[in-house]
Every structure is written in C-alpha cells, then in structure tokens.
Protein backbone atom coordinates (compact mmCIF):
# COMPACT_ATOMS: atom_id res chain seq x y z
CA UNK A 1 -46.46 -111.26 -214.49
CA UNK A 2 -45.79 -114.54 -211.93
CA UNK A 3 -42.07 -113.61 -211.48
CA UNK A 4 -43.15 -110.21 -210.09
CA UNK A 5 -41.29 -109.79 -206.65
CA UNK A 6 -42.88 -107.08 -204.61
CA UNK A 7 -41.75 -105.56 -201.17
CA UNK A 8 -44.42 -104.23 -199.14
CA UNK A 9 -44.17 -101.70 -196.18
CA UNK A 10 -46.16 -99.27 -193.77
CA UNK A 11 -44.59 -96.83 -191.35
CA UNK A 12 -43.81 -99.47 -188.70
CA UNK A 13 -43.82 -102.79 -190.53
CA UNK A 14 -46.67 -104.25 -188.63
CA UNK A 15 -50.14 -105.75 -189.38
CA UNK A 16 -51.15 -103.53 -192.43
CA UNK A 17 -47.94 -104.38 -194.62
CA UNK A 18 -47.79 -107.81 -193.00
CA UNK A 19 -51.22 -108.85 -193.99
CA UNK A 20 -50.95 -107.62 -197.18
CA UNK A 21 -47.49 -109.54 -197.96
CA UNK A 22 -49.33 -112.73 -196.64
CA UNK A 23 -52.23 -111.95 -198.86
CA UNK A 24 -49.69 -111.64 -202.15
CA UNK A 25 -47.70 -114.73 -201.18
CA UNK A 26 -50.99 -116.98 -200.84
CA UNK A 27 -51.76 -115.95 -204.68
CA UNK A 28 -48.50 -116.98 -205.62
CA UNK A 29 -45.95 -114.06 -205.27
CA UNK A 30 -42.74 -113.89 -203.79
CA UNK A 31 -43.32 -110.93 -201.37
CA UNK A 32 -40.72 -109.16 -198.77
CA UNK A 33 -41.98 -107.18 -196.15
CA UNK A 34 -39.84 -104.06 -194.98
CA UNK A 35 -38.73 -105.11 -191.31
CA UNK A 36 -39.53 -102.25 -189.33
CA UNK A 37 -41.48 -100.36 -192.06
CA UNK A 38 -40.87 -96.92 -193.75
CA UNK A 39 -39.61 -95.28 -190.29
CA UNK A 40 -36.64 -97.93 -189.95
CA UNK A 41 -35.56 -97.81 -193.48
CA UNK A 42 -35.26 -93.85 -193.04
CA UNK A 43 -33.40 -94.27 -189.92
CA UNK A 44 -31.06 -96.88 -192.00
CA UNK A 45 -30.25 -94.17 -194.51
CA UNK A 46 -30.02 -91.33 -192.27
CA UNK A 47 -27.15 -93.62 -190.36
CA UNK A 48 -25.50 -94.89 -193.49
CA UNK A 49 -25.03 -91.37 -195.02
CA UNK A 50 -22.99 -90.24 -192.01
CA UNK A 51 -21.00 -93.75 -192.10
CA UNK A 52 -20.67 -94.88 -195.72
CA UNK A 53 -18.50 -91.52 -197.10
CA UNK A 54 -15.91 -92.00 -194.63
CA UNK A 55 -14.98 -95.46 -196.28
CA UNK A 56 -14.69 -93.52 -199.68
CA UNK A 57 -11.90 -92.40 -202.20
CA UNK A 58 -13.19 -88.99 -203.65
CA UNK A 59 -11.64 -87.44 -206.45
CA UNK A 60 -13.04 -83.70 -206.66
CA UNK A 61 -13.55 -82.34 -210.45
CA UNK A 62 -14.00 -78.41 -209.32
CA UNK A 63 -13.76 -75.73 -212.10
CA UNK A 64 -15.68 -72.89 -212.77
CA UNK A 65 -19.48 -72.79 -214.42
CA UNK A 66 -19.29 -74.21 -218.52
CA UNK A 67 -15.86 -75.86 -217.53
CA UNK A 68 -17.18 -79.30 -218.73
CA UNK A 69 -17.04 -80.81 -215.50
CA UNK A 70 -20.38 -82.70 -215.69
CA UNK A 71 -19.60 -83.96 -219.52
CA UNK A 72 -16.40 -85.26 -217.96
CA UNK A 73 -17.94 -87.09 -214.98
CA UNK A 74 -19.91 -88.55 -217.75
CA UNK A 75 -17.59 -89.78 -219.90
CA UNK A 76 -15.65 -91.15 -216.96
CA UNK A 77 -18.76 -93.31 -216.37
CA UNK A 78 -18.69 -94.32 -219.59
CA UNK A 79 -15.58 -95.88 -219.11
CA UNK A 80 -16.38 -97.70 -216.25
CA UNK A 81 -15.06 -95.43 -213.58
CA UNK A 82 -17.19 -94.71 -210.46
CA UNK A 83 -18.84 -91.48 -210.82
CA UNK A 84 -21.06 -89.61 -208.18
CA UNK A 85 -23.51 -87.13 -210.14
CA UNK A 86 -25.00 -85.26 -207.24
CA UNK A 87 -26.49 -82.95 -209.83
CA UNK A 88 -28.05 -85.58 -211.77
CA UNK A 89 -29.01 -87.21 -209.20
CA UNK A 90 -31.06 -84.05 -207.80
CA UNK A 91 -32.30 -83.25 -211.50
CA UNK A 92 -30.51 -79.62 -211.18
CA UNK A 93 -27.59 -78.11 -212.45
CA UNK A 94 -26.82 -76.24 -209.04
CA UNK A 95 -27.34 -72.24 -209.88
CA UNK A 96 -29.91 -69.98 -210.13
CA UNK A 97 -30.46 -71.07 -213.71
CA UNK A 98 -29.89 -74.65 -212.83
CA UNK A 99 -33.23 -75.88 -212.98
CA UNK A 100 -34.04 -78.28 -216.07
CA UNK A 101 -37.11 -78.25 -217.81
CA UNK A 102 -39.81 -80.76 -217.40
CA UNK A 103 -37.96 -82.55 -215.18
CA UNK A 104 -38.88 -81.53 -211.43
CA UNK A 105 -36.31 -81.89 -208.38
CA UNK A 106 -36.95 -85.10 -206.27
CA UNK A 107 -38.08 -84.58 -202.32
CA UNK A 108 -35.29 -84.33 -199.66
CA UNK A 109 -36.25 -87.56 -198.87
CA UNK A 110 -35.76 -89.19 -202.23
CA UNK A 111 -32.61 -87.34 -202.83
CA UNK A 112 -31.22 -88.74 -199.75
CA UNK A 113 -32.17 -92.24 -201.13
CA UNK A 114 -30.51 -91.74 -204.43
CA UNK A 115 -27.34 -90.70 -202.67
CA UNK A 116 -27.31 -93.41 -200.19
CA UNK A 117 -28.32 -96.10 -203.15
CA UNK A 118 -25.18 -94.42 -205.13
CA UNK A 119 -22.71 -94.76 -202.24
CA UNK A 120 -23.48 -98.48 -201.19
CA UNK A 121 -22.51 -99.60 -204.93
CA UNK A 122 -18.84 -97.85 -204.44
CA UNK A 123 -16.21 -100.22 -204.17
CA UNK A 124 -13.74 -98.41 -201.34
CA UNK A 125 -10.49 -98.49 -202.95
CA UNK A 126 -11.52 -97.38 -206.22
CA UNK A 127 -11.44 -93.56 -206.70
CA UNK A 128 -15.27 -92.12 -206.93
CA UNK A 129 -15.07 -89.16 -208.99
CA UNK A 130 -17.47 -86.02 -208.01
CA UNK A 131 -18.08 -82.56 -208.75
CA UNK A 132 -17.26 -79.89 -206.10
CA UNK A 133 -21.05 -78.96 -204.96
CA UNK A 134 -22.38 -76.53 -202.61
CA UNK A 135 -24.15 -77.27 -199.62
CA UNK A 136 -27.31 -77.12 -201.76
CA UNK A 137 -28.24 -78.10 -205.38
CA UNK A 138 -31.26 -75.97 -206.08
CA UNK A 139 -33.62 -76.49 -203.22
CA UNK A 140 -31.68 -80.09 -201.59
CA UNK A 141 -29.38 -80.57 -199.39
CA UNK A 142 -25.94 -82.36 -200.12
CA UNK A 143 -25.73 -84.97 -197.01
CA UNK A 144 -23.29 -82.97 -194.57
CA UNK A 145 -20.86 -86.00 -193.93
CA UNK A 146 -20.67 -86.36 -197.84
CA UNK A 147 -19.69 -83.12 -198.24
CA UNK A 148 -17.38 -82.63 -195.55
CA UNK A 149 -15.54 -85.99 -196.58
CA UNK A 150 -15.16 -84.21 -200.14
CA UNK A 151 -14.24 -80.98 -198.89
CA UNK A 152 -11.36 -82.46 -196.40
CA UNK A 153 -10.09 -85.26 -197.53
CA UNK A 154 -11.13 -85.61 -201.29
CA UNK A 155 -8.07 -84.98 -204.06
CA UNK A 156 -8.78 -82.27 -205.94
CA UNK A 157 -8.12 -81.45 -209.66
CA UNK A 158 -8.84 -77.82 -210.98
CA UNK A 159 -10.61 -78.21 -214.82
CA UNK A 160 -9.50 -75.62 -217.06
CA UNK A 161 -11.08 -74.68 -220.27
CA UNK A 162 -10.77 -71.57 -222.37
CA UNK A 163 -13.47 -68.86 -222.31
CA UNK A 164 -14.69 -69.74 -225.97
CA UNK A 165 -15.03 -73.46 -224.96
CA UNK A 166 -16.78 -72.68 -222.27
CA UNK A 167 -19.35 -70.25 -224.09
CA UNK A 168 -20.33 -73.08 -226.86
CA UNK A 169 -20.81 -75.66 -223.98
CA UNK A 170 -23.34 -73.31 -222.10
CA UNK A 171 -24.93 -72.87 -225.74
CA UNK A 172 -25.39 -76.35 -225.87
CA UNK A 173 -26.13 -77.33 -222.47
CA UNK A 174 -28.59 -74.44 -222.23
CA UNK A 175 -30.13 -74.20 -225.80
CA UNK A 176 -33.65 -74.33 -224.09
CA UNK A 177 -33.69 -70.91 -222.88
CA UNK A 178 -34.04 -69.69 -226.51
CA UNK A 179 -37.50 -71.51 -225.94
CA UNK A 180 -39.03 -69.35 -223.57
CA UNK A 181 -37.00 -66.22 -223.40
CA UNK A 182 -39.60 -64.27 -220.97
CA UNK A 183 -39.07 -67.02 -218.56
CA UNK A 184 -35.30 -67.05 -218.67
CA UNK A 185 -35.46 -63.23 -217.95
CA UNK A 186 -37.66 -64.08 -214.89
CA UNK A 187 -34.87 -66.22 -213.53
CA UNK A 188 -32.40 -63.12 -214.28
CA UNK A 189 -34.57 -61.16 -211.70
CA UNK A 190 -33.60 -63.61 -208.74
CA UNK A 191 -29.92 -61.84 -209.30
CA UNK A 192 -31.22 -58.38 -209.14
CA UNK A 193 -30.38 -58.12 -205.07
CA UNK A 194 -26.91 -59.28 -205.71
CA UNK A 195 -25.51 -57.87 -209.15
CA UNK A 196 -28.28 -54.73 -208.95
CA UNK A 197 -31.00 -53.81 -211.27
CA UNK A 198 -29.02 -51.66 -214.06
CA UNK A 199 -26.78 -55.06 -214.67
CA UNK A 200 -29.85 -57.47 -214.81
CA UNK A 201 -31.39 -55.58 -217.01
CA UNK A 202 -28.51 -55.70 -219.51
CA UNK A 203 -28.39 -59.20 -219.26
CA UNK A 204 -31.90 -59.62 -220.21
CA UNK A 205 -31.96 -56.94 -223.00
CA UNK A 206 -29.20 -59.20 -224.69
CA UNK A 207 -31.29 -62.52 -224.26
CA UNK A 208 -34.44 -61.08 -226.07
CA UNK A 209 -32.23 -60.18 -228.61
CA UNK A 210 -30.97 -63.38 -229.06
CA UNK A 211 -27.22 -62.46 -228.49
CA UNK A 212 -27.02 -65.68 -226.28
CA UNK A 213 -23.11 -66.32 -226.72
CA UNK A 214 -22.17 -62.62 -225.33
CA UNK A 215 -24.69 -63.12 -222.59
CA UNK A 216 -23.50 -66.10 -221.56
CA UNK A 217 -19.82 -64.84 -221.53
CA UNK A 218 -20.78 -61.69 -219.43
CA UNK A 219 -22.82 -64.16 -217.13
CA UNK A 220 -19.52 -66.16 -216.52
CA UNK A 221 -17.39 -62.76 -216.11
CA UNK A 222 -19.86 -60.89 -213.82
CA UNK A 223 -21.86 -63.19 -211.83
CA UNK A 224 -20.78 -66.74 -211.77
CA UNK A 225 -16.63 -66.54 -211.66
CA UNK A 226 -16.42 -64.51 -208.93
CA UNK A 227 -19.02 -66.29 -206.94
CA UNK A 228 -17.77 -69.45 -207.72
CA UNK A 229 -14.16 -68.78 -206.74
CA UNK A 230 -15.54 -66.97 -203.65
CA UNK A 231 -16.84 -70.29 -202.55
CA UNK A 232 -14.13 -72.34 -203.24
CA UNK A 233 -11.47 -70.44 -201.42
CA UNK A 234 -14.02 -70.84 -198.61
CA UNK A 235 -14.72 -74.74 -198.80
CA UNK A 236 -11.73 -76.29 -200.72
CA UNK A 237 -8.77 -75.27 -198.94
CA UNK A 238 -6.87 -77.83 -201.23
CA UNK A 239 -7.65 -75.69 -204.65
CA UNK A 240 -4.71 -73.50 -204.24
CA UNK A 241 -2.43 -76.81 -204.51
CA UNK A 242 -4.57 -78.65 -206.95
CA UNK A 243 -3.08 -80.05 -210.14
CA UNK A 244 -4.96 -78.26 -213.53
CA UNK A 245 -6.48 -80.51 -215.66
CA UNK A 246 -7.19 -78.63 -219.58
CA UNK A 247 -9.69 -79.25 -221.37
CA UNK A 248 -9.50 -77.72 -224.69
CA UNK A 249 -13.52 -77.67 -225.24
CA UNK A 250 -16.52 -80.04 -224.46
CA UNK A 251 -15.76 -82.47 -227.11
CA UNK A 252 -15.10 -86.35 -227.19
CA UNK A 253 -11.44 -86.00 -227.88
CA UNK A 254 -10.86 -83.51 -225.31
CA UNK A 255 -12.92 -85.21 -222.35
CA UNK A 256 -11.08 -88.54 -223.42
CA UNK A 257 -7.57 -87.23 -223.06
CA UNK A 258 -8.59 -85.64 -219.55
CA UNK A 259 -9.82 -88.58 -218.46
CA UNK A 260 -7.00 -90.80 -219.31
CA UNK A 261 -5.14 -88.09 -217.13
CA UNK A 262 -7.48 -88.40 -214.48
CA UNK A 263 -7.32 -92.32 -214.47
CA UNK A 264 -3.71 -93.00 -214.95
CA UNK A 265 -3.11 -90.77 -211.73
CA UNK A 266 -5.36 -92.60 -209.38
C-alpha cells in the first residue's frame, strides 16, 4: 500500500541500508533509515535497560504458584493500569512446567527489546504492576537493573489464595497437559534430581490416572511452595512486612476486588 512506511537497517547503518532506503523513496515510499544500524540500536537498548527502571515505581505481586498473580495483572491492564507482564513477553510461565504449547520463547535479544519497549511506554510517577520473578523465565534472563529495582525498591504485596482456589486455577490454566500426558511426564523427569525418583514417579502415576486435582495439590505442597518460599526469602526482603492481598479465587469478582484494593492504595 502507498501509505507503507518502511524502516530500513543493516548492521552499521551504512551503504547497504542507505541504498535500499534511497531506492524505496524513489518509488514513492516514505522511508526511514536506522542511523548507526542494528549495532547502534542494540547498544541503545542495553543502555536504556539499565536506566529506564530507575525512574519507575514498581508494585510487585508476590505469591505462590497458582495464586492468581498473572490473572490479576491482566485484570489491572484491562482497567487501564500500567502493567509489565514479563511472563507474557517471555511466552513462558516461569517454571519447569511453564512452557506454552505452540508458543516458543523469543530470543534473548527479542525479549530484551520487548521489555525495553514496555518500559519506554510507562509514565513515571504512576505505579507499574509486575509479578515477582526470578532471574530467569524459562531460557531467558530478566534484565538485571530491572530485577534489582523490583527487589530493592518495589512495593511488595503478598497475594494469597486458598488451596482449593489455587488448584482450580491450575486446572483451568494447565488443562492442555491432559492432551499429552506422556509429554507432561517427561517434563516431570527434570525434577528427579531435586525430588527423587520415587516422588516424581508418584506424580506421574497421578497424571496417567487423570487425577489432575490431587496431582496439582501435591506438586504445590511438595515442590513449588517450598521452592518459591526459599526464593522469596532470599531475594525479596520486604516480603516479611508486605501487606496481604487476599484472592478468594481466580474469578472476575475476586480479581476486581483485589484490583480495587491495589489501585486505592497507590
């Protein structure tokens, strides 16, 4: 279409991209050329990933697996709040079972760019809601300056949901595991070193029997909750004094009530 406005770039922003930009402009397109090329762009992204977080006020949602943190972020975004959904940008839910079917993770450079774009869009002075993440989401590294800003200066809320609500949420969000039970069991094999062969085989037996609710409850109690609690004590010192944010379940009414509490205090 005539209104197409291409941005042309090469590695250093020299003759190759310049020649193509000139040619496209000659046939009528409003063409931009990336000055300094992709190399300069990457340098700018890396530099700004170090500086942009320092101007932002993060509200960190901490909570055990299945406590509704991601749903709450999505609900806050729908209400017009500033939300940094790192797991959404990474296409991964952040655990050994966090891969999303049919949705591969981006490269590290692409993830960095997505985070950079999100940070540039936030208004300083307004809270930015984010989940308490570890240093890695699947195979990707969270930018260090962002992580340190969240951990050292973020305002932490402790999201709490009853076990029954957490199990129901996991049954909804991870229903796709039932479509490939053996694939799910192979993913559990990665936990043998941490949990031992006997415990992992017990989990696999529950999966093969289709007993997903008791399986998720055991995975939370025996693996995810202890692991998460240790990580949070190590990296989020403010958690011990953080106010509790109760979520009865993952439904719209509970999410709306929690979002109202959050936005009414920031």
